[in-house]
Protein backbone atom coordinates (compact mmCIF):
# COMPACT_ATOMS: atom_id res chain seq x y z
CA MET A 1 -122.28 155.97 -51.96
CA ASN A 2 -122.41 158.13 -55.07
CA ILE A 3 -124.54 158.39 -58.20
CA ALA A 4 -122.33 155.98 -60.13
CA GLU A 5 -122.68 153.27 -57.46
CA ILE A 6 -126.46 153.80 -57.28
CA ALA A 7 -126.63 153.49 -61.08
CA LYS A 8 -124.60 150.24 -61.03
CA LEU A 9 -126.79 148.67 -58.33
CA ALA A 10 -129.97 149.70 -60.17
CA GLY A 11 -128.69 148.62 -63.57
CA VAL A 12 -129.29 152.03 -65.13
CA SER A 13 -127.16 154.90 -66.43
CA ASN A 14 -125.67 157.67 -64.31
CA ALA A 15 -127.84 160.12 -66.26
CA ALA A 16 -131.00 158.26 -65.26
CA VAL A 17 -130.08 158.51 -61.57
CA SER A 18 -129.30 162.21 -61.97
CA ARG A 19 -132.68 162.81 -63.61
CA TYR A 20 -134.35 160.85 -60.78
CA PHE A 21 -132.92 163.13 -58.11
CA ASN A 22 -133.59 166.28 -60.12
CA ASN A 23 -137.16 165.32 -61.08
CA GLY A 24 -136.34 164.93 -64.73
CA TYR A 25 -138.11 162.48 -67.02
CA ILE A 26 -137.36 158.77 -66.64
CA SER A 27 -139.56 155.75 -67.24
CA ASP A 28 -141.70 154.41 -64.41
CA GLU A 29 -139.73 151.15 -64.47
CA LYS A 30 -136.37 152.92 -63.99
CA ARG A 31 -137.86 155.18 -61.31
CA ARG A 32 -139.03 152.10 -59.36
CA VAL A 33 -135.68 150.30 -59.45
CA ILE A 34 -133.74 153.45 -58.51
CA GLN A 35 -136.15 154.18 -55.65
CA LYS A 36 -135.72 150.59 -54.39
CA VAL A 37 -131.93 150.94 -54.32
CA VAL A 38 -132.14 154.36 -52.65
CA GLU A 39 -134.43 152.99 -49.93
CA GLU A 40 -132.25 149.92 -49.35
CA THR A 41 -129.00 151.90 -49.14
CA GLY A 42 -130.35 155.01 -47.38
CA TYR A 43 -128.54 157.15 -49.95
CA ARG A 44 -129.06 160.93 -49.83
CA PRO A 45 -127.65 163.18 -52.57
CA SER A 46 -125.23 165.93 -51.59
CA VAL A 47 -127.09 169.22 -51.23
CA GLN A 48 -123.89 171.13 -51.93
CA ALA A 49 -123.26 169.20 -55.12
CA GLN A 50 -126.80 169.82 -56.31
CA MET A 51 -126.42 173.54 -55.62
CA LEU A 52 -123.20 173.70 -57.63
CA ARG A 53 -124.76 171.82 -60.52
CA THR A 54 -128.21 173.44 -60.68
CA LYS A 55 -127.42 176.86 -59.14
CA LYS A 56 -130.50 176.30 -56.95
CA THR A 57 -130.66 176.03 -53.17
CA ARG A 58 -134.29 174.83 -53.02
CA MET A 59 -134.72 177.27 -50.12
CA ILE A 60 -137.12 180.21 -49.79
CA GLY A 61 -136.16 182.88 -47.28
CA VAL A 62 -139.03 184.36 -45.26
CA ILE A 63 -138.28 187.56 -43.32
CA VAL A 64 -140.75 188.51 -40.57
CA PRO A 65 -140.62 191.31 -37.98
CA ARG A 66 -141.66 189.13 -35.02
CA ILE A 67 -143.08 185.71 -34.21
CA ALA A 68 -145.32 186.68 -31.26
CA SER A 69 -148.00 187.94 -33.65
CA ALA A 70 -151.22 186.22 -34.66
CA SER A 71 -151.28 187.85 -38.10
CA ILE A 72 -147.69 186.95 -38.95
CA GLY A 73 -148.19 183.44 -37.65
CA LYS A 74 -151.12 183.03 -40.04
CA GLU A 75 -149.09 184.42 -42.94
CA VAL A 76 -146.28 181.94 -42.30
CA GLU A 77 -148.83 179.11 -42.00
CA GLY A 78 -150.20 180.16 -45.38
CA VAL A 79 -146.72 180.03 -46.90
CA LEU A 80 -146.06 176.59 -45.42
CA SER A 81 -149.41 175.18 -46.57
CA VAL A 82 -148.19 175.61 -50.14
CA LEU A 83 -144.42 175.26 -49.69
CA ASN A 84 -144.67 171.88 -47.93
CA LYS A 85 -146.27 170.44 -51.07
CA SER A 86 -143.32 171.58 -53.20
CA GLU A 87 -139.63 170.67 -53.32
CA TYR A 88 -138.65 173.86 -51.51
CA GLN A 89 -137.96 174.43 -47.83
CA LEU A 90 -138.41 177.52 -45.68
CA LEU A 91 -135.62 179.51 -44.05
CA LEU A 92 -137.16 181.85 -41.46
CA ALA A 93 -135.48 185.09 -40.38
CA VAL A 94 -136.94 187.11 -37.47
CA THR A 95 -135.91 190.76 -37.15
CA GLN A 96 -137.55 191.67 -33.81
CA ASN A 97 -139.01 194.81 -35.41
CA ASN A 98 -135.54 196.09 -36.29
CA PRO A 99 -135.47 197.60 -39.82
CA GLN A 100 -131.67 197.34 -39.88
CA LYS A 101 -131.95 193.60 -39.31
CA GLU A 102 -134.31 193.38 -42.29
CA LEU A 103 -131.62 194.97 -44.44
CA GLU A 104 -129.01 192.55 -43.08
CA TYR A 105 -131.15 189.53 -43.91
CA LEU A 106 -131.97 190.88 -47.36
CA SER A 107 -128.24 191.34 -47.93
CA ALA A 108 -127.51 187.78 -46.78
CA PHE A 109 -130.21 186.34 -49.00
CA HIS A 110 -128.97 188.56 -51.83
CA GLU A 111 -125.76 186.53 -51.80
CA LYS A 112 -127.70 183.63 -53.31
CA GLN A 113 -128.26 181.78 -50.04
CA VAL A 114 -131.88 181.23 -51.14
CA ASP A 115 -133.76 181.07 -54.44
CA GLY A 116 -136.32 183.72 -53.46
CA VAL A 117 -137.45 185.93 -50.57
CA ILE A 118 -140.85 186.52 -49.00
CA LEU A 119 -140.59 189.81 -47.08
CA VAL A 120 -143.33 190.41 -44.51
CA ALA A 121 -142.75 194.15 -44.44
CA THR A 122 -143.60 196.83 -41.92
CA VAL A 123 -141.43 199.85 -42.70
CA LEU A 124 -140.04 200.27 -46.21
CA THR A 125 -137.34 202.92 -45.92
CA ALA A 126 -135.22 204.45 -48.68
CA ALA A 127 -132.52 201.95 -47.71
CA HIS A 128 -134.98 199.06 -48.17
CA LYS A 129 -135.89 200.32 -51.63
CA ARG A 130 -132.23 200.64 -52.64
CA MET A 131 -131.56 197.12 -51.38
CA LEU A 132 -134.56 195.68 -53.23
CA LYS A 133 -133.30 197.18 -56.49
CA THR A 134 -130.05 195.25 -56.17
CA MET A 135 -131.56 191.85 -55.30
CA VAL A 136 -130.59 189.11 -57.74
CA VAL A 137 -133.25 186.71 -56.42
CA PRO A 138 -136.99 187.46 -56.72
CA VAL A 139 -138.75 189.12 -53.78
CA VAL A 140 -142.47 189.06 -52.96
CA ILE A 141 -143.57 191.65 -50.39
CA VAL A 142 -146.42 190.78 -48.01
CA GLY A 143 -148.46 193.33 -46.07
CA GLN A 144 -147.34 196.47 -47.89
CA ARG A 145 -147.86 197.84 -51.38
CA LEU A 146 -144.69 198.93 -53.16
CA PRO A 147 -145.29 199.94 -56.80
CA GLY A 148 -143.07 198.12 -59.25
CA TYR A 149 -142.60 195.05 -57.04
CA TYR A 150 -144.45 191.78 -56.53
CA CYS A 151 -146.65 192.31 -53.48
CA VAL A 152 -149.69 190.98 -51.64
CA PHE A 153 -151.40 193.46 -49.34
CA HIS A 154 -154.68 194.25 -47.58
CA ASP A 155 -157.27 196.96 -48.08
CA ASP A 156 -156.27 198.65 -44.82
CA TYR A 157 -157.74 202.05 -45.69
CA ASN A 158 -161.27 200.87 -46.48
CA ALA A 159 -161.28 198.36 -43.62
CA SER A 160 -160.42 201.08 -41.11
CA TYR A 161 -162.93 203.43 -42.73
CA ASP A 162 -165.71 200.87 -42.41
CA ILE A 163 -164.95 199.81 -38.83
CA THR A 164 -164.91 203.48 -37.79
CA LYS A 165 -168.17 204.10 -39.63
CA ARG A 166 -169.71 201.10 -37.84
CA VAL A 167 -168.73 202.57 -34.45
CA LEU A 168 -170.25 205.93 -35.39
CA GLU A 169 -173.43 204.25 -36.62
CA LYS A 170 -173.78 202.64 -33.21
CA GLY A 171 -174.38 206.14 -31.86
CA ARG A 172 -170.88 206.96 -30.65
CA LYS A 173 -169.94 210.60 -31.20
CA ARG A 174 -166.66 211.22 -29.34
CA LEU A 175 -164.10 208.80 -30.74
CA GLY A 176 -160.41 208.37 -30.05
CA TYR A 177 -157.91 206.48 -32.21
CA ILE A 178 -154.92 204.44 -31.06
CA GLY A 179 -152.72 203.80 -34.07
CA ALA A 180 -149.25 202.64 -35.09
CA ILE A 181 -146.26 204.59 -36.37
CA GLN A 182 -146.90 206.39 -39.66
CA GLN A 183 -143.76 204.87 -41.21
CA ASP A 184 -145.72 201.62 -41.31
CA GLN A 185 -147.65 202.54 -44.44
CA ALA A 186 -150.36 199.89 -44.09
CA VAL A 187 -151.12 199.54 -40.37
CA GLY A 188 -149.94 203.02 -39.41
CA ALA A 189 -150.71 205.47 -42.23
CA GLU A 190 -153.52 203.77 -44.19
CA ARG A 191 -155.58 202.66 -41.20
CA TYR A 192 -155.33 206.11 -39.62
CA ARG A 193 -156.30 207.69 -42.95
CA GLY A 194 -159.38 205.46 -43.05
CA PHE A 195 -160.33 206.62 -39.55
CA CYS A 196 -159.88 210.30 -40.50
CA GLU A 197 -161.95 210.00 -43.68
CA ALA A 198 -164.75 208.19 -41.83
CA VAL A 199 -165.12 210.76 -39.05
CA GLN A 200 -164.94 213.58 -41.58
CA GLY A 201 -167.58 211.88 -43.73
CA MET A 202 -169.88 211.66 -40.70
CA GLY A 203 -169.44 215.38 -39.99
CA ARG A 204 -166.95 215.01 -37.12
CA PRO A 205 -163.57 216.09 -38.61
CA GLU A 206 -162.28 217.32 -35.24
CA LEU A 207 -162.07 213.71 -34.00
CA LYS A 208 -159.04 213.02 -36.20
CA ASP A 209 -156.90 214.86 -33.64
CA ASN A 210 -157.91 212.45 -30.84
CA LEU A 211 -154.84 210.34 -31.61
CA ALA A 212 -152.30 208.30 -29.68
CA VAL A 213 -149.57 206.10 -31.23
CA ALA A 214 -148.82 202.71 -29.67
CA ASP A 215 -146.48 199.85 -30.36
CA PHE A 216 -147.85 196.37 -31.01
CA SER A 217 -148.43 195.26 -27.42
CA LEU A 218 -151.08 194.97 -24.71
CA SER A 219 -149.12 197.21 -22.38
CA SER A 220 -148.87 199.97 -24.97
CA GLY A 221 -152.60 199.80 -25.72
CA TYR A 222 -153.25 200.03 -21.98
CA GLU A 223 -150.96 203.04 -21.60
CA LYS A 224 -152.27 204.94 -24.64
CA ALA A 225 -155.90 204.47 -23.63
CA GLY A 226 -155.08 206.22 -20.38
CA GLU A 227 -153.31 209.04 -22.22
CA LEU A 228 -156.25 209.59 -24.57
CA LEU A 229 -158.81 209.76 -21.78
CA GLU A 230 -156.63 212.10 -19.75
CA LYS A 231 -156.06 214.41 -22.71
CA TYR A 232 -159.42 214.37 -24.48
CA GLY A 233 -161.91 213.69 -21.71
CA ASP A 234 -165.10 211.67 -21.91
CA LEU A 235 -164.71 209.59 -25.08
CA ASP A 236 -167.44 207.09 -25.90
CA GLY A 237 -165.57 205.05 -28.50
CA LEU A 238 -162.02 203.85 -29.21
CA VAL A 239 -160.90 202.60 -32.62
CA CYS A 240 -157.55 200.80 -32.57
CA ALA A 241 -155.15 199.82 -35.34
CA THR A 242 -154.84 196.23 -34.06
CA ASP A 243 -156.65 193.80 -31.78
CA ILE A 244 -153.73 193.57 -29.36
CA ILE A 245 -153.78 197.35 -28.88
CA ALA A 246 -157.57 197.25 -28.46
CA ALA A 247 -157.35 194.48 -25.86
CA GLY A 248 -154.85 196.54 -23.88
CA ALA A 249 -157.15 199.57 -24.08
CA MET A 250 -160.09 197.46 -22.90
CA GLN A 251 -158.06 196.20 -19.94
CA TYR A 252 -157.33 199.81 -18.92
CA LEU A 253 -161.01 200.76 -19.11
CA GLN A 254 -162.19 197.79 -17.11
CA GLU A 255 -159.53 198.23 -14.42
CA HIS A 256 -160.61 201.87 -14.06
CA GLY A 257 -164.29 201.03 -13.68
CA ILE A 258 -165.36 202.24 -17.14
CA PRO A 259 -168.07 199.91 -18.54
CA VAL A 260 -167.35 198.40 -21.98
CA PRO A 261 -169.23 198.84 -24.27
CA GLU A 262 -171.91 200.72 -22.32
CA GLN A 263 -169.74 203.79 -21.74
CA ILE A 264 -166.92 203.26 -24.25
CA LEU A 265 -167.12 200.95 -27.27
CA VAL A 266 -163.76 199.47 -28.30
CA ALA A 267 -162.95 198.28 -31.82
CA GLY A 268 -159.80 196.57 -33.08
CA GLN A 269 -158.50 195.18 -36.35
CA GLY A 270 -157.23 191.70 -37.18
CA ASP A 271 -159.86 189.28 -35.81
CA SER A 272 -157.16 187.54 -33.78
CA ASP A 273 -157.85 184.99 -31.07
CA ILE A 274 -157.61 187.70 -28.43
CA ALA A 275 -160.60 189.47 -30.03
CA LYS A 276 -162.74 186.41 -29.28
CA VAL A 277 -161.74 185.97 -25.64
CA THR A 278 -162.12 189.58 -24.46
CA SER A 279 -165.30 190.32 -22.56
CA PRO A 280 -167.22 191.52 -24.46
CA PRO A 281 -165.73 190.22 -27.75
CA LEU A 282 -164.14 192.98 -29.81
CA LEU A 283 -165.78 194.62 -32.78
CA THR A 284 -163.02 193.98 -35.30
CA VAL A 285 -161.93 193.46 -38.92
CA ARG A 286 -160.92 190.09 -40.35
CA TYR A 287 -158.05 190.27 -42.83
CA PRO A 288 -157.21 187.06 -44.75
CA TYR A 289 -153.65 186.78 -43.44
CA GLU A 290 -153.25 183.08 -44.20
CA LYS A 291 -154.50 183.62 -47.74
CA SER A 292 -151.93 186.38 -48.25
CA GLY A 293 -149.18 183.91 -47.35
CA GLU A 294 -150.59 181.31 -49.74
CA ILE A 295 -150.80 183.77 -52.62
CA ALA A 296 -147.31 185.15 -51.97
CA ILE A 297 -145.64 181.74 -52.12
CA GLN A 298 -147.72 180.73 -55.16
CA MET A 299 -146.46 183.87 -56.91
CA MET A 300 -142.89 183.04 -55.88
CA LEU A 301 -143.05 179.45 -57.15
CA GLU A 302 -144.49 180.65 -60.45
CA ILE A 303 -141.68 183.20 -60.79
CA LEU A 304 -139.05 180.54 -60.08
CA GLU A 305 -140.63 178.14 -62.58
CA LYS A 306 -141.52 180.53 -65.40
CA GLY A 307 -139.47 183.66 -64.71
CA GLU A 308 -142.59 185.74 -64.11
CA THR A 309 -146.11 185.63 -62.65
CA ALA A 310 -149.39 186.77 -64.14
CA LEU A 311 -150.18 188.97 -61.13
CA LYS A 312 -147.83 191.73 -60.05
CA GLU A 313 -149.98 193.07 -57.21
CA VAL A 314 -152.78 191.42 -55.24
CA LYS A 315 -155.01 193.41 -52.88
CA LEU A 316 -157.15 191.29 -50.55
CA GLY A 317 -160.49 192.18 -49.01
CA TYR A 318 -161.82 191.99 -45.44
CA HIS A 319 -164.85 191.32 -43.23
CA ILE A 320 -166.30 193.31 -40.37
CA VAL A 321 -166.77 190.97 -37.38
CA ASP A 322 -169.18 192.03 -34.66
CA GLY A 323 -168.94 189.92 -31.53
CA LYS A 324 -172.64 190.42 -30.77
CA GLU A 325 -174.04 190.30 -34.28
CA GLY A 326 -171.91 187.56 -35.85
CA ASP A 327 -169.83 187.67 -38.99
CA LYS A 328 -170.83 190.02 -41.77
CA ASP A 329 -170.56 189.63 -45.52
CA ALA A 330 -167.35 190.65 -47.18
CA ILE A 331 -167.11 194.41 -47.49
CA SER A 332 -164.36 194.22 -50.09
CA ASP A 333 -163.35 191.30 -52.30
CA GLY A 334 -159.98 192.83 -53.10
CA GLN A 335 -158.46 193.91 -56.38
CA LYS A 336 -155.83 192.20 -58.45
CA GLY A 337 -153.40 193.78 -60.86
């Protein structure tokens, strides 16, 4: 079957059938008769032919560093909640935390394999920035702020500041921090900066040196908790860059007979499912990950439809979540620009 045969069976012009498949304007009567013929024949238009004619793939590439992550899973769910209501489909690329793989996927998508790219970014190197400058399809960055580009990100600095301040206000005086690599501007650098500013603001600047750097895993949180205690002695609080790191740290403490939170209070960030099932539940920060995915794809669809979007940057807020006290009001509502 082809468009001409569909048109003949429906008693309409070839142009009417073309407009039907490309969502152009046709009368309701013609749309009904064409739809009836399509359903009876099982006809499906050639994707390749549509691409050649419209220069559109109707695909959005989404690049993520890993799939075994609660936050990234929520971001992808947010993207899909909007994308599944549109005519576009998702093409998912997983880099396994390999920055070189991110560059390879950006290069592949650059060759017009997709109409736009959602990049869930961790490390934005000089090579990433050079690649982004050459992209011929629009890119929306999620999770990091990169001036001059469309991006949706979180208020990591203030969230980390406030969770650290909460721990100090609970009477803890000897804190340690388990963070991520500093090349990760949001989770690594900004969250550690929030911790440093909070302890300095409470008159304890020396605590900023009580630092260990973990990867995003339970085992690494477990290992780094042991290193901190061995190096810095009798800590009474641990602030961690993520919930998964915090859960690993809590496991170490409990296996070594250190009461939590009586002797050491543990705080994470992310409000993931693991924060709810630890005993006791983690003191943590809720970031609106799903919302960030929704906003990113809404921005992308607006760019594809209109050539631009009203918002260049969107910064989202957060909540402090205390397992014993219940959810708190929003600390920050976010800023848009």
